[in-house]
C-alpha atoms as a PDB file:
ATOM      1  CA  MET A   1       3.066  14.490  11.466  1.00  0.00           C
ATOM      2  CA  LEU A   2       1.661  17.920  12.301  1.00  0.00           C
ATOM      3  CA  PRO A   3      -0.330  18.163  15.534  1.00  0.00           C
ATOM      4  CA  ALA A   4      -4.064  17.649  15.185  1.00  0.00           C
ATOM      5  CA  ARG A   5      -6.173  20.813  15.066  1.00  0.00           C
ATOM      6  CA  GLU A   6      -9.843  21.372  15.686  1.00  0.00           C
ATOM      7  CA  PRO A   7     -11.767  22.260  12.523  1.00  0.00           C
ATOM      8  CA  GLU A   8     -11.900  25.982  11.927  1.00  0.00           C
ATOM      9  CA  PRO A   9     -15.286  27.699  12.046  1.00  0.00           C
ATOM     10  CA  VAL A  10     -16.982  27.466   8.675  1.00  0.00           C
ATOM     11  CA  HIS A  11     -18.888  30.497   7.457  1.00  0.00           C
ATOM     12  CA  ASP A  12     -21.966  30.040   5.333  1.00  0.00           C
ATOM     13  CA  ALA A  13     -20.023  30.904   2.189  1.00  0.00           C
ATOM     14  CA  ALA A  14     -17.163  28.474   2.889  1.00  0.00           C
ATOM     15  CA  PRO A  15     -17.415  24.859   1.740  1.00  0.00           C
ATOM     16  CA  ARG A  16     -17.188  22.272   4.508  1.00  0.00           C
ATOM     17  CA  CYS A  17     -14.629  19.464   4.203  1.00  0.00           C
ATOM     18  CA  ARG A  18     -16.156  16.038   3.723  1.00  0.00           C
ATOM     19  CA  ALA A  19     -13.370  14.392   5.746  1.00  0.00           C
ATOM     20  CA  CYS A  20     -13.102  16.623   8.825  1.00  0.00           C
ATOM     21  CA  GLY A  21     -15.675  19.428   8.618  1.00  0.00           C
ATOM     22  CA  GLY A  22     -12.986  22.113   8.398  1.00  0.00           C
ATOM     23  CA  ALA A  23     -13.053  25.247   6.276  1.00  0.00           C
ATOM     24  CA  GLY A  24     -12.423  24.741   2.592  1.00  0.00           C
ATOM     25  CA  ARG A  25     -11.028  27.127  -0.019  1.00  0.00           C
ATOM     26  CA  PRO A  26     -12.272  26.766  -3.619  1.00  0.00           C
ATOM     27  CA  VAL A  27      -9.373  25.963  -5.974  1.00  0.00           C
ATOM     28  CA  PHE A  28     -10.936  25.083  -9.361  1.00  0.00           C
ATOM     29  CA  SER A  29     -14.102  23.928 -11.103  1.00  0.00           C
ATOM     30  CA  LYS A  30     -14.646  20.912 -13.325  1.00  0.00           C
ATOM     31  CA  ARG A  31     -17.827  19.682 -15.043  1.00  0.00           C
ATOM     32  CA  GLY A  32     -19.737  22.346 -13.157  1.00  0.00           C
ATOM     33  CA  PHE A  33     -18.522  21.142  -9.738  1.00  0.00           C
ATOM     34  CA  VAL A  34     -16.427  23.271  -7.371  1.00  0.00           C
ATOM     35  CA  PHE A  35     -13.337  21.607  -5.898  1.00  0.00           C
ATOM     36  CA  ALA A  36     -12.018  22.901  -2.570  1.00  0.00           C
ATOM     37  CA  HIS A  37      -8.921  22.421  -0.425  1.00  0.00           C
ATOM     38  CA  CYS A  38      -9.312  21.885   3.321  1.00  0.00           C
ATOM     39  CA  SER A  39      -7.251  24.242   5.474  1.00  0.00           C
ATOM     40  CA  VAL A  40      -7.330  21.774   8.392  1.00  0.00           C
ATOM     41  CA  CYS A  41      -6.706  18.222   7.142  1.00  0.00           C
ATOM     42  CA  ASP A  42      -5.247  19.008   3.685  1.00  0.00           C
ATOM     43  CA  CYS A  43      -7.836  16.969   1.739  1.00  0.00           C
ATOM     44  CA  ARG A  44      -9.386  18.112  -1.487  1.00  0.00           C
ATOM     45  CA  PHE A  45     -13.086  17.571  -2.015  1.00  0.00           C
ATOM     46  CA  VAL A  46     -16.104  18.331  -4.182  1.00  0.00           C
ATOM     47  CA  ALA A  47     -17.784  21.213  -2.395  1.00  0.00           C
ATOM     48  CA  ASP A  48     -21.211  20.898  -4.016  1.00  0.00           C
ATOM     49  CA  ALA A  49     -24.052  18.847  -2.602  1.00  0.00           C
ATOM     50  CA  ILE A  50     -24.307  15.520  -4.429  1.00  0.00           C
ATOM     51  CA  PRO A  51     -27.638  13.745  -4.998  1.00  0.00           C
ATOM     52  CA  ASP A  52     -27.860  10.104  -3.994  1.00  0.00           C
ATOM     53  CA  LEU A  53     -26.072   8.105  -6.682  1.00  0.00           C
ATOM     54  CA  VAL A  54     -27.272   4.666  -7.728  1.00  0.00           C
ATOM     55  CA  TYR A  55     -24.455   2.148  -7.992  1.00  0.00           C
ATOM     56  CA  ASP A  56     -26.036  -0.685  -9.957  1.00  0.00           C
ATOM     57  CA  GLU A  57     -25.099  -3.043 -12.788  1.00  0.00           C
ATOM     58  CA  GLY A  58     -25.171  -0.111 -15.198  1.00  0.00           C
ATOM     59  CA  TYR A  59     -22.208   1.380 -13.335  1.00  0.00           C
ATOM     60  CA  PHE A  60     -20.195  -1.729 -14.224  1.00  0.00           C
ATOM     61  CA  GLY A  61     -21.401  -1.909 -17.801  1.00  0.00           C
ATOM     62  CA  GLY A  62     -20.874   1.559 -19.269  1.00  0.00           C
ATOM     63  CA  ARG A  63     -24.465   2.727 -18.774  1.00  0.00           C
ATOM     64  CA  SER A  64     -24.079   5.122 -15.851  1.00  0.00           C
ATOM     65  CA  PHE A  65     -22.449   8.349 -14.637  1.00  0.00           C
ATOM     66  CA  GLY A  66     -18.995   6.746 -14.458  1.00  0.00           C
ATOM     67  CA  GLY A  67     -17.665   3.329 -13.657  1.00  0.00           C
ATOM     68  CA  TYR A  68     -16.491   0.717 -16.136  1.00  0.00           C
ATOM     69  CA  PRO A  69     -17.268  -0.153 -19.757  1.00  0.00           C
ATOM     70  CA  ASP A  70     -17.605  -3.922 -19.089  1.00  0.00           C
ATOM     71  CA  TYR A  71     -16.312  -5.081 -15.705  1.00  0.00           C
ATOM     72  CA  LEU A  72     -17.139  -8.763 -16.273  1.00  0.00           C
ATOM     73  CA  ARG A  73     -15.145  -8.982 -19.516  1.00  0.00           C
ATOM     74  CA  ASP A  74     -12.052  -7.929 -17.542  1.00  0.00           C
ATOM     75  CA  ARG A  75     -12.654 -10.692 -14.996  1.00  0.00           C
ATOM     76  CA  GLU A  76      -9.285 -12.491 -15.185  1.00  0.00           C
ATOM     77  CA  LEU A  77      -7.334  -9.234 -15.274  1.00  0.00           C
ATOM     78  CA  LEU A  78      -9.185  -7.913 -12.201  1.00  0.00           C
ATOM     79  CA  LEU A  79      -8.760 -11.192 -10.338  1.00  0.00           C
ATOM     80  CA  SER A  80      -5.025 -10.945 -10.937  1.00  0.00           C
ATOM     81  CA  ASN A  81      -4.903  -7.353  -9.667  1.00  0.00           C
ATOM     82  CA  PHE A  82      -6.853  -8.268  -6.538  1.00  0.00           C
ATOM     83  CA  ALA A  83      -4.747 -11.366  -5.899  1.00  0.00           C
ATOM     84  CA  ARG A  84      -1.632  -9.165  -5.871  1.00  0.00           C
ATOM     85  CA  ARG A  85      -3.222  -6.965  -3.202  1.00  0.00           C
ATOM     86  CA  VAL A  86      -4.347  -9.911  -1.085  1.00  0.00           C
ATOM     87  CA  ARG A  87      -0.830 -11.388  -1.153  1.00  0.00           C
ATOM     88  CA  TRP A  88       0.549  -7.982  -0.153  1.00  0.00           C
ATOM     89  CA  LEU A  89      -1.711  -7.641   2.899  1.00  0.00           C
ATOM     90  CA  ARG A  90      -1.601 -11.318   3.945  1.00  0.00           C
ATOM     91  CA  PRO A  91       1.577 -11.119   6.101  1.00  0.00           C
ATOM     92  CA  HIS A  92       0.106  -8.193   8.061  1.00  0.00           C
ATOM     93  CA  ALA A  93      -3.256  -9.786   8.886  1.00  0.00           C
ATOM     94  CA  ARG A  94      -3.720 -11.226  12.384  1.00  0.00           C
ATOM     95  CA  GLY A  95      -6.712 -13.344  11.469  1.00  0.00           C
ATOM     96  CA  ALA A  96      -8.574 -14.762   8.495  1.00  0.00           C
ATOM     97  CA  ARG A  97     -11.993 -13.074   8.594  1.00  0.00           C
ATOM     98  CA  LEU A  98     -12.056 -10.462   5.799  1.00  0.00           C
ATOM     99  CA  LEU A  99     -14.704  -8.030   4.544  1.00  0.00           C
ATOM    100  CA  ASP A 100     -14.350  -6.360   1.150  1.00  0.00           C
ATOM    101  CA  VAL A 101     -16.369  -3.125   0.980  1.00  0.00           C
ATOM    102  CA  GLY A 102     -17.585  -2.189  -2.492  1.00  0.00           C
ATOM    103  CA  ALA A 103     -17.022  -5.758  -3.663  1.00  0.00           C
ATOM    104  CA  ALA A 104     -18.678  -5.392  -7.102  1.00  0.00           C
ATOM    105  CA  TYR A 105     -18.869  -8.912  -8.579  1.00  0.00           C
ATOM    106  CA  GLY A 106     -16.885 -10.487  -5.742  1.00  0.00           C
ATOM    107  CA  PHE A 107     -13.510 -10.860  -7.450  1.00  0.00           C
ATOM    108  CA  LEU A 108     -11.451  -9.753  -4.439  1.00  0.00           C
ATOM    109  CA  VAL A 109     -13.541 -12.025  -2.220  1.00  0.00           C
ATOM    110  CA  GLU A 110     -12.680 -14.917  -4.523  1.00  0.00           C
ATOM    111  CA  ALA A 111      -8.981 -13.963  -4.572  1.00  0.00           C
ATOM    112  CA  ALA A 112      -8.937 -13.739  -0.766  1.00  0.00           C
ATOM    113  CA  ARG A 113     -10.574 -17.149  -0.408  1.00  0.00           C
ATOM    114  CA  ARG A 114      -7.862 -18.648  -2.606  1.00  0.00           C
ATOM    115  CA  GLU A 115      -5.286 -17.218  -0.169  1.00  0.00           C
ATOM    116  CA  GLY A 116      -6.955 -18.828   2.834  1.00  0.00           C
ATOM    117  CA  PHE A 117      -9.179 -15.989   4.066  1.00  0.00           C
ATOM    118  CA  ASP A 118     -12.734 -16.477   5.280  1.00  0.00           C
ATOM    119  CA  ALA A 119     -13.896 -13.620   3.076  1.00  0.00           C
ATOM    120  CA  ILE A 120     -17.219 -11.947   2.335  1.00  0.00           C
ATOM    121  CA  GLY A 121     -18.202  -8.905   0.286  1.00  0.00           C
ATOM    122  CA  LEU A 122     -20.437  -5.892   0.842  1.00  0.00           C
ATOM    123  CA  GLU A 123     -21.913  -4.393  -2.329  1.00  0.00           C
ATOM    124  CA  PRO A 124     -24.883  -2.037  -2.981  1.00  0.00           C
ATOM    125  CA  ALA A 125     -25.604  -3.336  -6.512  1.00  0.00           C
ATOM    126  CA  GLN A 126     -28.072  -6.198  -6.067  1.00  0.00           C
ATOM    127  CA  GLY A 127     -27.343  -7.667  -9.499  1.00  0.00           C
ATOM    128  CA  CYS A 128     -23.632  -7.900  -8.710  1.00  0.00           C
ATOM    129  CA  VAL A 129     -24.381  -9.633  -5.412  1.00  0.00           C
ATOM    130  CA  ALA A 130     -26.614 -12.183  -7.130  1.00  0.00           C
ATOM    131  CA  TRP A 131     -24.001 -12.861  -9.848  1.00  0.00           C
ATOM    132  CA  ALA A 132     -21.184 -13.389  -7.313  1.00  0.00           C
ATOM    133  CA  ARG A 133     -23.282 -15.790  -5.248  1.00  0.00           C
ATOM    134  CA  ARG A 134     -24.362 -17.738  -8.326  1.00  0.00           C
ATOM    135  CA  GLU A 135     -21.169 -17.790 -10.411  1.00  0.00           C
ATOM    136  CA  LEU A 136     -18.442 -17.736  -7.743  1.00  0.00           C
ATOM    137  CA  GLY A 137     -20.265 -19.252  -4.787  1.00  0.00           C
ATOM    138  CA  VAL A 138     -18.915 -16.523  -2.495  1.00  0.00           C
ATOM    139  CA  GLU A 139     -20.680 -14.920   0.448  1.00  0.00           C
ATOM    140  CA  MET A 140     -22.006 -11.452  -0.414  1.00  0.00           C
ATOM    141  CA  VAL A 141     -24.134  -9.002   1.547  1.00  0.00           C
ATOM    142  CA  PRO A 142     -26.208  -6.362  -0.293  1.00  0.00           C
ATOM    143  CA  GLY A 143     -25.933  -2.830   1.072  1.00  0.00           C
ATOM    144  CA  SER A 144     -23.775   0.237   1.546  1.00  0.00           C
ATOM    145  CA  ILE A 145     -21.108   0.914   4.140  1.00  0.00           C
ATOM    146  CA  GLU A 146     -23.315   3.565   5.738  1.00  0.00           C
ATOM    147  CA  ARG A 147     -26.267   1.208   6.262  1.00  0.00           C
ATOM    148  CA  ALA A 148     -24.647  -2.194   6.833  1.00  0.00           C
ATOM    149  CA  SER A 149     -25.025  -3.746  10.275  1.00  0.00           C
ATOM    150  CA  PHE A 150     -22.291  -6.297  10.924  1.00  0.00           C
ATOM    151  CA  ALA A 151     -21.570  -7.269  14.510  1.00  0.00           C
ATOM    152  CA  GLU A 152     -18.897  -5.272  16.316  1.00  0.00           C
ATOM    153  CA  GLU A 153     -15.362  -6.715  16.266  1.00  0.00           C
ATOM    154  CA  SER A 154     -16.314  -9.417  13.750  1.00  0.00           C
ATOM    155  CA  PHE A 155     -13.509  -8.951  11.192  1.00  0.00           C
ATOM    156  CA  ASP A 156      -9.724  -9.121  11.121  1.00  0.00           C
ATOM    157  CA  VAL A 157      -9.355  -7.243   7.826  1.00  0.00           C
ATOM    158  CA  VAL A 158     -11.584  -4.754   6.006  1.00  0.00           C
ATOM    159  CA  THR A 159     -10.576  -3.669   2.502  1.00  0.00           C
ATOM    160  CA  LEU A 160     -11.700  -0.493   0.727  1.00  0.00           C
ATOM    161  CA  LEU A 161     -10.002  -0.522  -2.662  1.00  0.00           C
ATOM    162  CA  ASP A 162     -11.028   2.411  -4.872  1.00  0.00           C
ATOM    163  CA  VAL A 163     -13.900   3.090  -2.459  1.00  0.00           C
ATOM    164  CA  ILE A 164     -13.033   5.850   0.048  1.00  0.00           C
ATOM    165  CA  GLU A 165     -13.107   8.548  -2.653  1.00  0.00           C
ATOM    166  CA  HIS A 166     -16.739   7.629  -3.455  1.00  0.00           C
ATOM    167  CA  VAL A 167     -18.349   7.931  -0.031  1.00  0.00           C
ATOM    168  CA  VAL A 168     -20.128  11.133   0.968  1.00  0.00           C
ATOM    169  CA  ASP A 169     -18.726  11.086   4.533  1.00  0.00           C
ATOM    170  CA  PRO A 170     -15.314   9.323   4.729  1.00  0.00           C
ATOM    171  CA  ALA A 171     -15.000   9.793   8.500  1.00  0.00           C
ATOM    172  CA  LEU A 172     -18.369   8.153   9.104  1.00  0.00           C
ATOM    173  CA  ALA A 173     -17.374   5.249   6.868  1.00  0.00           C
ATOM    174  CA  LEU A 174     -14.086   4.663   8.686  1.00  0.00           C
ATOM    175  CA  ARG A 175     -15.738   4.849  12.110  1.00  0.00           C
ATOM    176  CA  GLN A 176     -18.106   2.155  10.899  1.00  0.00           C
ATOM    177  CA  VAL A 177     -15.156   0.049   9.760  1.00  0.00           C
ATOM    178  CA  ARG A 178     -13.475   0.562  13.136  1.00  0.00           C
ATOM    179  CA  ARG A 179     -16.529  -0.872  14.904  1.00  0.00           C
ATOM    180  CA  TRP A 180     -16.436  -3.955  12.706  1.00  0.00           C
ATOM    181  CA  LEU A 181     -12.723  -4.609  13.252  1.00  0.00           C
ATOM    182  CA  ARG A 182     -11.237  -6.417  16.193  1.00  0.00           C
ATOM    183  CA  PRO A 183      -8.551  -4.480  18.123  1.00  0.00           C
ATOM    184  CA  GLY A 184      -5.380  -4.778  16.077  1.00  0.00           C
ATOM    185  CA  GLY A 185      -7.415  -5.548  12.972  1.00  0.00           C
ATOM    186  CA  LEU A 186      -6.373  -4.111   9.636  1.00  0.00           C
ATOM    187  CA  VAL A 187      -8.056  -1.629   7.346  1.00  0.00           C
ATOM    188  CA  VAL A 188      -6.611  -1.579   3.825  1.00  0.00           C
ATOM    189  CA  ILE A 189      -7.341   1.474   1.670  1.00  0.00           C
ATOM    190  CA  GLU A 190      -6.321   2.133  -1.922  1.00  0.00           C
ATOM    191  CA  THR A 191      -6.971   5.536  -3.481  1.00  0.00           C
ATOM    192  CA  GLY A 192      -5.492   8.211  -5.711  1.00  0.00           C
ATOM    193  CA  ASP A 193      -2.738  10.516  -4.447  1.00  0.00           C
ATOM    194  CA  TYR A 194      -3.623  14.107  -5.311  1.00  0.00           C
ATOM    195  CA  GLN A 195      -0.070  15.138  -4.360  1.00  0.00           C
ATOM    196  CA  GLY A 196       1.446  12.495  -6.621  1.00  0.00           C
ATOM    197  CA  LEU A 197       3.414  13.294  -9.744  1.00  0.00           C
ATOM    198  CA  LEU A 198       0.616  12.527 -12.204  1.00  0.00           C
ATOM    199  CA  ALA A 199      -1.897  14.768 -10.395  1.00  0.00           C
ATOM    200  CA  ARG A 200       0.646  17.583 -10.230  1.00  0.00           C
ATOM    201  CA  VAL A 201       1.371  17.324 -13.948  1.00  0.00           C
ATOM    202  CA  CYS A 202      -2.277  17.032 -15.007  1.00  0.00           C
ATOM    203  CA  GLY A 203      -3.756  19.566 -12.576  1.00  0.00           C
ATOM    204  CA  SER A 204      -7.547  19.684 -12.751  1.00  0.00           C
ATOM    205  CA  ARG A 205      -7.426  17.282 -15.726  1.00  0.00           C
ATOM    206  CA  TRP A 206      -6.191  14.425 -13.491  1.00  0.00           C
ATOM    207  CA  TYR A 207      -8.582  11.546 -14.185  1.00  0.00           C
ATOM    208  CA  TYR A 208      -9.219  10.934 -10.469  1.00  0.00           C
ATOM    209  CA  TYR A 209     -10.895  14.350 -10.234  1.00  0.00           C
ATOM    210  CA  ASP A 210     -14.076  12.717 -11.469  1.00  0.00           C
ATOM    211  CA  PRO A 211     -17.333  14.074 -10.023  1.00  0.00           C
ATOM    212  CA  PRO A 212     -19.956  13.024  -9.179  1.00  0.00           C
ATOM    213  CA  GLN A 213     -18.509   9.574  -8.468  1.00  0.00           C
ATOM    214  CA  HIS A 214     -15.254  10.714  -6.777  1.00  0.00           C
ATOM    215  CA  LEU A 215     -15.850  13.195  -3.966  1.00  0.00           C
ATOM    216  CA  THR A 216     -12.790  13.323  -1.660  1.00  0.00           C
ATOM    217  CA  TYR A 217      -9.101  13.248  -2.604  1.00  0.00           C
ATOM    218  CA  PHE A 218      -6.248  12.320  -0.298  1.00  0.00           C
ATOM    219  CA  SER A 219      -2.509  12.489   0.062  1.00  0.00           C
ATOM    220  CA  ARG A 220      -0.735  10.014   2.306  1.00  0.00           C
ATOM    221  CA  LEU A 221      -0.603  12.652   5.060  1.00  0.00           C
ATOM    222  CA  SER A 222      -4.265  13.664   4.849  1.00  0.00           C
ATOM    223  CA  LEU A 223      -5.399  10.027   4.841  1.00  0.00           C
ATOM    224  CA  GLU A 224      -3.206   9.328   7.872  1.00  0.00           C
ATOM    225  CA  ARG A 225      -4.860  12.240   9.694  1.00  0.00           C
ATOM    226  CA  LEU A 226      -8.298  10.845   8.897  1.00  0.00           C
ATOM    227  CA  LEU A 227      -7.304   7.376  10.083  1.00  0.00           C
ATOM    228  CA  ARG A 228      -5.991   8.719  13.379  1.00  0.00           C
ATOM    229  CA  ARG A 229      -9.207  10.667  13.976  1.00  0.00           C
ATOM    230  CA  THR A 230     -11.378   7.595  13.380  1.00  0.00           C
ATOM    231  CA  GLY A 231      -9.723   5.060  15.681  1.00  0.00           C
ATOM    232  CA  PHE A 232      -6.689   3.787  13.776  1.00  0.00           C
ATOM    233  CA  GLU A 233      -2.949   3.969  14.143  1.00  0.00           C
ATOM    234  CA  ALA A 234      -0.787   5.566  11.493  1.00  0.00           C
ATOM    235  CA  PRO A 235      -0.424   3.244   8.484  1.00  0.00           C
ATOM    236  CA  SER A 236       2.060   0.487   9.251  1.00  0.00           C
ATOM    237  CA  VAL A 237       2.784  -0.226   5.597  1.00  0.00           C
ATOM    238  CA  VAL A 238       2.346   1.716   2.346  1.00  0.00           C
ATOM    239  CA  GLY A 239       2.402   0.108  -1.081  1.00  0.00           C
ATOM    240  CA  HIS A 240       2.423   1.101  -4.747  1.00  0.00           C
ATOM    241  CA  LEU A 241       1.299  -2.212  -6.173  1.00  0.00           C
ATOM    242  CA  GLY A 242       0.726  -1.463  -9.837  1.00  0.00           C
ATOM    243  CA  ARG A 243      -2.011  -3.001 -11.929  1.00  0.00           C
ATOM    244  CA  SER A 244      -2.919  -4.329 -15.326  1.00  0.00           C
ATOM    245  CA  VAL A 245      -5.577  -2.551 -17.359  1.00  0.00           C
ATOM    246  CA  SER A 246      -7.383  -3.330 -20.583  1.00  0.00           C
ATOM    247  CA  VAL A 247      -7.405  -1.062 -23.607  1.00  0.00           C
ATOM    248  CA  ARG A 248     -11.197  -1.291 -23.235  1.00  0.00           C
ATOM    249  CA  ASN A 249     -11.204   0.334 -19.816  1.00  0.00           C
ATOM    250  CA  PHE A 250      -8.359   2.768 -20.521  1.00  0.00           C
ATOM    251  CA  SER A 251      -9.995   4.057 -23.706  1.00  0.00           C
ATOM    252  CA  PHE A 252     -13.404   4.292 -22.068  1.00  0.00           C
ATOM    253  CA  GLN A 253     -12.032   6.383 -19.193  1.00  0.00           C
ATOM    254  CA  LEU A 254     -10.009   8.579 -21.548  1.00  0.00           C
ATOM    255  CA  GLY A 255     -13.087   9.155 -23.683  1.00  0.00           C
ATOM    256  CA  ARG A 256     -15.030  10.272 -20.622  1.00  0.00           C
ATOM    257  CA  ALA A 257     -12.232  12.660 -19.665  1.00  0.00           C
ATOM    258  CA  LEU A 258     -12.138  14.176 -23.146  1.00  0.00           C
ATOM    259  CA  GLY A 259     -15.882  14.898 -23.160  1.00  0.00           C
ATOM    260  CA  ALA A 260     -17.709  15.646 -26.412  1.00  0.00           C
ATOM    261  CA  SER A 261     -15.012  15.711 -29.081  1.00  0.00           C
ATOM    262  CA  PRO A 262     -13.807  13.678 -32.091  1.00  0.00           C
ATOM    263  CA  ALA A 263     -10.923  12.368 -29.968  1.00  0.00           C
ATOM    264  CA  ALA A 264     -13.376  11.169 -27.312  1.00  0.00           C
ATOM    265  CA  GLU A 265     -15.480   9.374 -29.903  1.00  0.00           C
ATOM    266  CA  PHE A 266     -12.356   7.678 -31.265  1.00  0.00           C
ATOM    267  CA  CYS A 267     -11.548   6.461 -27.720  1.00  0.00           C
ATOM    268  CA  ARG A 268     -15.045   5.084 -27.268  1.00  0.00           C
ATOM    269  CA  SER A 269     -14.814   3.288 -30.631  1.00  0.00           C
ATOM    270  CA  LEU A 270     -11.472   1.789 -29.612  1.00  0.00           C
ATOM    271  CA  ALA A 271     -12.992   0.572 -26.342  1.00  0.00           C
ATOM    272  CA  ARG A 272     -15.702  -1.259 -28.307  1.00  0.00           C
ATOM    273  CA  SER A 273     -13.292  -2.795 -30.826  1.00  0.00           C
ATOM    274  CA  SER A 274     -11.461  -6.122 -30.682  1.00  0.00           C
ATOM    275  CA  LEU A 275      -8.378  -4.227 -29.485  1.00  0.00           C
ATOM    276  CA  GLY A 276     -10.231  -3.533 -26.265  1.00  0.00           C
ATOM    277  CA  ALA A 277      -9.207  -6.944 -24.938  1.00  0.00           C
ATOM    278  CA  VAL A 278      -5.485  -6.081 -25.084  1.00  0.00           C
ATOM    279  CA  THR A 279      -3.980  -5.551 -21.626  1.00  0.00           C
ATOM    280  CA  PHE A 280      -0.909  -3.729 -20.356  1.00  0.00           C
ATOM    281  CA  GLY A 281       0.680  -2.957 -17.006  1.00  0.00           C
ATOM    282  CA  VAL A 282       0.798   0.479 -15.382  1.00  0.00           C
ATOM    283  CA  PRO A 283       2.709   1.578 -12.258  1.00  0.00           C
ATOM    284  CA  ASP A 284       0.897   3.091  -9.295  1.00  0.00           C
ATOM    285  CA  ARG A 285       3.820   5.067  -7.877  1.00  0.00           C
ATOM    286  CA  GLY A 286       3.176   8.775  -8.341  1.00  0.00           C
ATOM    287  CA  ASN A 287      -0.553   8.206  -8.832  1.00  0.00           C
ATOM    288  CA  VAL A 288      -2.170   5.659  -6.482  1.00  0.00           C
ATOM    289  CA  PHE A 289      -1.162   4.329  -3.072  1.00  0.00           C
ATOM    290  CA  THR A 290      -2.322   1.534  -0.783  1.00  0.00           C
ATOM    291  CA  VAL A 291      -2.120   1.741   3.010  1.00  0.00           C
ATOM    292  CA  ALA A 292      -2.729  -0.753   5.810  1.00  0.00           C
ATOM    293  CA  ALA A 293      -3.482   0.628   9.287  1.00  0.00           C
ATOM    294  CA  ARG A 294      -4.352  -1.131  12.541  1.00  0.00           C
ATOM    295  CA  ALA A 295      -7.411  -0.490  14.663  1.00  0.00           C
ATOM    296  CA  CYS A 296      -6.466   0.980  18.057  1.00  0.00           C
END
């Protein structure tokens, strides 16, 4: 790994990196947002100021700025995906107390409980919290990672799956996680790889470049640098775990990417049709990675 460097001075005209505060260089625009590349930590990020976004039930039901067409209808598929990730991290955990950040309807919490974890979820959408408590009987806490107030050193594992790219200040979020973890505890992060093959082929059309919901984009190296700066060791294990997706979700996301066009409308119609329930597997290698790193 390259030696750590102090962030370079940022002039008024230069965008400031969300991950380290270093100087950014604009590289492209998409949907009216400027994307920049950090000269210090090698992240990419949305340079524009983002208003506070409301992550509520509409985000999980196709009635928001992004999200999912119908998260609950993909319940069994999502449970299976989360169970695969829990089994992957299980041998590396040194204790059973687990917090899932951005827990949505509590499916990872449920999967972790089935694998023997004493698991709880943190989720800003109040309706999702209420549903998970009522339907799954799992422990859920309403709130965001920035405002939550768990006791220090109260968890053995904290998971952030498809979460770190959403937060306005990733370093602040990971410092919070470090306070909640016991020494030697594990943070597990899954996110898109902007240096992966799919991102390189697609360029600015890569679906992970998705403002205003996705704000910061990592490679394995840039995420390792952020982890080291926020109280963690270098990742001890890296995975490309793959996942199953529904035609419903795939078509919905493709329709969003295509914008206002006949092809986009066809995708949205397909997502609403009976074919939406069909599922298929996709690999993560070259697109998404999962890392587990220990708290120092």
